[in-house]
Every structure is written in C-alpha cells, then in structure tokens.
Amino acid sequence: MLRLSKGPKGLCINCAVHDWLRNTYPVNMLLAESGPKILACPHIQKQFTEIMQVGLAEAQPNEINWDLIIENWDLPFPHKVKPSAINPCTQRVMDEIAAGNRPGLGSAAPPKPDPLAGKMTITSFEELNLLEPGLGDDLKSALEGNR
C-alpha cells in the first residue's frame, strides 16, 4: 500500500490515496453513497492512518492533502474502478450509487427490533421461538426426549 516509486513514474500521494479509496471495497461503495466530504472528518483520517500502518505504507499520513483529494474527487481518473476477487464494485455501480439510481451499502434495510429487548434472562420456550422460529420447540423436544 502506498509504496514509493523507484523512478519518476506512478502517482503522487494524493492520487495514490484517491486510487486506493476508489478501488477498495467496501470503502469505495460507502464513499460513492456519502460523497468524499466525509474524508475531512478527523476520525476518518485517523482510521486511514491506522490502515496505512497495518498495510506497511511507505508514505506518511502527514503527506496527504485531504482537502485536495476531496476537491478533485470527481475528476476523471486514468484507470477506472475494475472489479476483482476482493472488489465486486465496478465504476458503473459506483456512478449509479452516487447518482442515487442504485442503493448503496448504507441503504440496507434497518435491523429488526430485538424481540427480547431489556430482558436479561430467557424464561420460556416461547421466548426462544421469538429469537428464532422453532428454536424453543426444538429445545423442548430435545429435553423431553432425554427424560
């Protein structure tokens, strides 16, 4: 990640970060949905710094100009997003998400409410069935079969 070039070729640090963000799933889909302005948040930049450390990046976090990346986010990039084994997203999908013509990752259905919210102890087979249909019935049958 973000390796120094041995010669005068490659991308500047800002373009390299931009390229990494656009080609790394699920970051690319989340940024397509939210827009790049979220990159200005200090906690997002801190998380990226931690990713750089784990990825053994040769670039330094203080070399990144986040304002410039945000400002130039929509400029044409020489190599568009290409799907791979670790990135199922394509440039077309990202463009559709950004235009609001396709749901993004943050558009998933809200989680179902917890049927036992606030309960510390399950006291009946019926409560188990609330968690997963048939779970309480299966447990009751198994316990009755062991008597």
C-alpha atoms as a PDB file:
ATOM      1  CA  MET A   1       0.000   0.000   0.000  1.00  0.00           C
ATOM      2  CA  LEU A   2       1.257   3.444  -0.999  1.00  0.00           C
ATOM      3  CA  ARG A   3       4.771   2.345  -1.943  1.00  0.00           C
ATOM      4  CA  LEU A   4       7.431   4.771  -3.118  1.00  0.00           C
ATOM      5  CA  SER A   5       8.320   4.561  -6.796  1.00  0.00           C
ATOM      6  CA  LYS A   6      11.863   3.626  -7.794  1.00  0.00           C
ATOM      7  CA  GLY A   7      11.704   6.030 -10.706  1.00  0.00           C
ATOM      8  CA  PRO A   8       9.828   9.109 -11.908  1.00  0.00           C
ATOM      9  CA  LYS A   9       6.567   7.292 -12.580  1.00  0.00           C
ATOM     10  CA  GLY A  10       3.441   6.428 -10.683  1.00  0.00           C
ATOM     11  CA  LEU A  11       1.049   8.630  -8.743  1.00  0.00           C
ATOM     12  CA  CYS A  12       1.522  11.438  -6.265  1.00  0.00           C
ATOM     13  CA  ILE A  13       0.447  10.621  -2.715  1.00  0.00           C
ATOM     14  CA  ASN A  14      -2.951  12.302  -3.114  1.00  0.00           C
ATOM     15  CA  CYS A  15      -3.742  10.462  -6.352  1.00  0.00           C
ATOM     16  CA  ALA A  16      -2.500   7.193  -4.852  1.00  0.00           C
ATOM     17  CA  VAL A  17      -4.810   7.617  -1.837  1.00  0.00           C
ATOM     18  CA  HIS A  18      -7.668   8.553  -4.168  1.00  0.00           C
ATOM     19  CA  ASP A  19      -6.965   5.457  -6.287  1.00  0.00           C
ATOM     20  CA  TRP A  20      -6.802   3.214  -3.206  1.00  0.00           C
ATOM     21  CA  LEU A  21     -10.095   4.557  -1.833  1.00  0.00           C
ATOM     22  CA  ARG A  22     -11.893   4.128  -5.183  1.00  0.00           C
ATOM     23  CA  ASN A  23     -10.626   0.563  -5.669  1.00  0.00           C
ATOM     24  CA  THR A  24     -11.015  -0.835  -2.155  1.00  0.00           C
ATOM     25  CA  TYR A  25     -14.319  -2.493  -1.288  1.00  0.00           C
ATOM     26  CA  PRO A  26     -16.448  -1.639   0.693  1.00  0.00           C
ATOM     27  CA  VAL A  27     -14.841   1.795   1.149  1.00  0.00           C
ATOM     28  CA  ASN A  28     -15.499   2.680  -2.485  1.00  0.00           C
ATOM     29  CA  MET A  29     -19.226   1.940  -2.240  1.00  0.00           C
ATOM     30  CA  LEU A  30     -19.580   3.841   1.020  1.00  0.00           C
ATOM     31  CA  LEU A  31     -17.817   6.878  -0.466  1.00  0.00           C
ATOM     32  CA  ALA A  32     -19.946   6.654  -3.619  1.00  0.00           C
ATOM     33  CA  GLU A  33     -23.015   6.889  -1.404  1.00  0.00           C
ATOM     34  CA  SER A  34     -21.846   9.501   1.110  1.00  0.00           C
ATOM     35  CA  GLY A  35     -19.601  11.567  -1.129  1.00  0.00           C
ATOM     36  CA  PRO A  36     -15.960  12.420  -0.433  1.00  0.00           C
ATOM     37  CA  LYS A  37     -16.604  15.218   2.103  1.00  0.00           C
ATOM     38  CA  ILE A  38     -16.620  12.613   4.861  1.00  0.00           C
ATOM     39  CA  LEU A  39     -12.866  12.322   4.295  1.00  0.00           C
ATOM     40  CA  ALA A  40     -12.475  15.713   6.005  1.00  0.00           C
ATOM     41  CA  CYS A  41     -13.522  14.206   9.351  1.00  0.00           C
ATOM     42  CA  PRO A  42     -10.540  13.758  11.685  1.00  0.00           C
ATOM     43  CA  HIS A  43     -11.698  10.340  12.882  1.00  0.00           C
ATOM     44  CA  ILE A  44     -11.870   9.081   9.269  1.00  0.00           C
ATOM     45  CA  GLN A  45      -8.353  10.372   8.620  1.00  0.00           C
ATOM     46  CA  LYS A  46      -7.161   8.670  11.813  1.00  0.00           C
ATOM     47  CA  GLN A  47      -8.688   5.385  10.670  1.00  0.00           C
ATOM     48  CA  PHE A  48      -6.931   5.741   7.320  1.00  0.00           C
ATOM     49  CA  THR A  49      -3.640   6.370   9.153  1.00  0.00           C
ATOM     50  CA  GLU A  50      -4.166   3.105  11.030  1.00  0.00           C
ATOM     51  CA  ILE A  51      -4.865   1.288   7.749  1.00  0.00           C
ATOM     52  CA  MET A  52      -1.618   2.739   6.375  1.00  0.00           C
ATOM     53  CA  GLN A  53       0.277   1.421   9.396  1.00  0.00           C
ATOM     54  CA  VAL A  54      -1.210  -2.065   9.066  1.00  0.00           C
ATOM     55  CA  GLY A  55      -0.579  -2.016   5.302  1.00  0.00           C
ATOM     56  CA  LEU A  56       3.072  -1.041   5.897  1.00  0.00           C
ATOM     57  CA  ALA A  57       2.669   2.033   3.702  1.00  0.00           C
ATOM     58  CA  GLU A  58       5.866   3.832   2.816  1.00  0.00           C
ATOM     59  CA  ALA A  59       4.008   7.140   2.531  1.00  0.00           C
ATOM     60  CA  GLN A  60       3.470   9.237   5.642  1.00  0.00           C
ATOM     61  CA  PRO A  61      -0.025  10.336   6.756  1.00  0.00           C
ATOM     62  CA  ASN A  62       1.061  13.986   7.024  1.00  0.00           C
ATOM     63  CA  GLU A  63       1.877  13.952   3.276  1.00  0.00           C
ATOM     64  CA  ILE A  64      -1.817  13.509   2.403  1.00  0.00           C
ATOM     65  CA  ASN A  65      -3.740  16.637   1.449  1.00  0.00           C
ATOM     66  CA  TRP A  66      -7.322  15.563   2.207  1.00  0.00           C
ATOM     67  CA  ASP A  67      -8.780  18.874   1.015  1.00  0.00           C
ATOM     68  CA  LEU A  68      -7.155  18.375  -2.395  1.00  0.00           C
ATOM     69  CA  ILE A  69      -8.454  14.790  -2.620  1.00  0.00           C
ATOM     70  CA  ILE A  70     -11.979  15.954  -1.784  1.00  0.00           C
ATOM     71  CA  GLU A  71     -11.782  18.887  -4.194  1.00  0.00           C
ATOM     72  CA  ASN A  72     -10.626  16.668  -7.074  1.00  0.00           C
ATOM     73  CA  TRP A  73     -12.715  13.595  -6.267  1.00  0.00           C
ATOM     74  CA  ASP A  74     -14.877  13.782  -9.400  1.00  0.00           C
ATOM     75  CA  LEU A  75     -12.085  14.496 -11.867  1.00  0.00           C
ATOM     76  CA  PRO A  76     -11.579  11.799 -14.481  1.00  0.00           C
ATOM     77  CA  PHE A  77      -9.101   9.230 -13.262  1.00  0.00           C
ATOM     78  CA  PRO A  78      -6.781   7.451 -15.680  1.00  0.00           C
ATOM     79  CA  HIS A  79      -7.837   3.977 -14.601  1.00  0.00           C
ATOM     80  CA  LYS A  80     -11.427   3.416 -13.612  1.00  0.00           C
ATOM     81  CA  VAL A  81     -12.545   1.056 -10.873  1.00  0.00           C
ATOM     82  CA  LYS A  82     -12.294  -2.534 -12.007  1.00  0.00           C
ATOM     83  CA  PRO A  83     -13.925  -5.495 -10.268  1.00  0.00           C
ATOM     84  CA  SER A  84     -11.666  -8.147  -8.781  1.00  0.00           C
ATOM     85  CA  ALA A  85     -11.863 -11.021  -6.323  1.00  0.00           C
ATOM     86  CA  ILE A  86     -11.742  -8.556  -3.423  1.00  0.00           C
ATOM     87  CA  ASN A  87     -13.657  -5.708  -5.091  1.00  0.00           C
ATOM     88  CA  PRO A  88     -17.021  -6.650  -6.615  1.00  0.00           C
ATOM     89  CA  CYS A  89     -17.778  -2.998  -7.363  1.00  0.00           C
ATOM     90  CA  THR A  90     -17.469  -1.502 -10.853  1.00  0.00           C
ATOM     91  CA  GLN A  91     -17.226   2.124 -11.937  1.00  0.00           C
ATOM     92  CA  ARG A  92     -20.758   1.879 -13.346  1.00  0.00           C
ATOM     93  CA  VAL A  93     -22.128   0.684  -9.980  1.00  0.00           C
ATOM     94  CA  MET A  94     -20.323   3.482  -8.145  1.00  0.00           C
ATOM     95  CA  ASP A  95     -21.690   6.055 -10.608  1.00  0.00           C
ATOM     96  CA  GLU A  96     -25.238   4.702 -10.149  1.00  0.00           C
ATOM     97  CA  ILE A  97     -24.922   4.830  -6.349  1.00  0.00           C
ATOM     98  CA  ALA A  98     -23.547   8.394  -6.473  1.00  0.00           C
ATOM     99  CA  ALA A  99     -26.424   9.464  -8.743  1.00  0.00           C
ATOM    100  CA  GLY A 100     -28.975   7.893  -6.365  1.00  0.00           C
ATOM    101  CA  ASN A 101     -30.107   5.394  -9.001  1.00  0.00           C
ATOM    102  CA  ARG A 102     -28.975   2.369  -7.002  1.00  0.00           C
ATOM    103  CA  PRO A 103     -28.982   1.655  -3.258  1.00  0.00           C
ATOM    104  CA  GLY A 104     -25.596   1.677  -1.558  1.00  0.00           C
ATOM    105  CA  LEU A 105     -24.341  -0.263   1.427  1.00  0.00           C
ATOM    106  CA  GLY A 106     -25.801   2.264   3.864  1.00  0.00           C
ATOM    107  CA  SER A 107     -29.239   1.823   2.288  1.00  0.00           C
ATOM    108  CA  ALA A 108     -29.741  -1.673   3.651  1.00  0.00           C
ATOM    109  CA  ALA A 109     -32.943  -2.465   5.480  1.00  0.00           C
ATOM    110  CA  PRO A 110     -32.869  -1.349   9.102  1.00  0.00           C
ATOM    111  CA  PRO A 111     -32.193  -4.110  11.607  1.00  0.00           C
ATOM    112  CA  LYS A 112     -35.185  -5.899  13.047  1.00  0.00           C
ATOM    113  CA  PRO A 113     -36.108  -4.833  16.568  1.00  0.00           C
ATOM    114  CA  ASP A 114     -34.910  -7.135  19.331  1.00  0.00           C
ATOM    115  CA  PRO A 115     -37.966  -9.151  20.436  1.00  0.00           C
ATOM    116  CA  LEU A 116     -36.472  -9.547  23.901  1.00  0.00           C
ATOM    117  CA  ALA A 117     -35.133  -6.019  24.373  1.00  0.00           C
ATOM    118  CA  GLY A 118     -34.414  -5.302  28.011  1.00  0.00           C
ATOM    119  CA  LYS A 119     -34.710  -8.945  29.127  1.00  0.00           C
ATOM    120  CA  MET A 120     -31.681 -10.399  30.843  1.00  0.00           C
ATOM    121  CA  THR A 121     -32.968 -13.968  31.105  1.00  0.00           C
ATOM    122  CA  ILE A 122     -34.991 -16.147  28.764  1.00  0.00           C
ATOM    123  CA  THR A 123     -37.606 -17.918  30.839  1.00  0.00           C
ATOM    124  CA  SER A 124     -39.694 -19.863  28.341  1.00  0.00           C
ATOM    125  CA  PHE A 125     -39.558 -21.854  25.131  1.00  0.00           C
ATOM    126  CA  GLU A 126     -41.861 -19.251  23.578  1.00  0.00           C
ATOM    127  CA  GLU A 127     -39.228 -16.555  24.171  1.00  0.00           C
ATOM    128  CA  LEU A 128     -36.691 -18.734  22.368  1.00  0.00           C
ATOM    129  CA  ASN A 129     -39.140 -19.014  19.478  1.00  0.00           C
ATOM    130  CA  LEU A 130     -39.204 -15.195  19.331  1.00  0.00           C
ATOM    131  CA  LEU A 131     -35.455 -15.172  18.767  1.00  0.00           C
ATOM    132  CA  GLU A 132     -35.599 -17.836  16.069  1.00  0.00           C
ATOM    133  CA  PRO A 133     -38.791 -19.561  14.973  1.00  0.00           C
ATOM    134  CA  GLY A 134     -38.825 -23.169  16.166  1.00  0.00           C
ATOM    135  CA  LEU A 135     -35.760 -22.860  18.415  1.00  0.00           C
ATOM    136  CA  GLY A 136     -37.753 -23.157  21.642  1.00  0.00           C
ATOM    137  CA  ASP A 137     -39.850 -26.004  20.238  1.00  0.00           C
ATOM    138  CA  ASP A 138     -36.714 -27.890  19.157  1.00  0.00           C
ATOM    139  CA  LEU A 139     -35.094 -27.436  22.569  1.00  0.00           C
ATOM    140  CA  LYS A 140     -38.272 -28.553  24.349  1.00  0.00           C
ATOM    141  CA  SER A 141     -38.478 -31.681  22.167  1.00  0.00           C
ATOM    142  CA  ALA A 142     -34.829 -32.490  22.774  1.00  0.00           C
ATOM    143  CA  LEU A 143     -35.194 -32.099  26.544  1.00  0.00           C
ATOM    144  CA  GLU A 144     -38.366 -34.197  26.663  1.00  0.00           C
ATOM    145  CA  GLY A 145     -36.629 -36.922  24.648  1.00  0.00           C
ATOM    146  CA  ASN A 146     -33.817 -37.110  27.221  1.00  0.00           C
ATOM    147  CA  ARG A 147     -36.089 -37.791  30.194  1.00  0.00           C
END
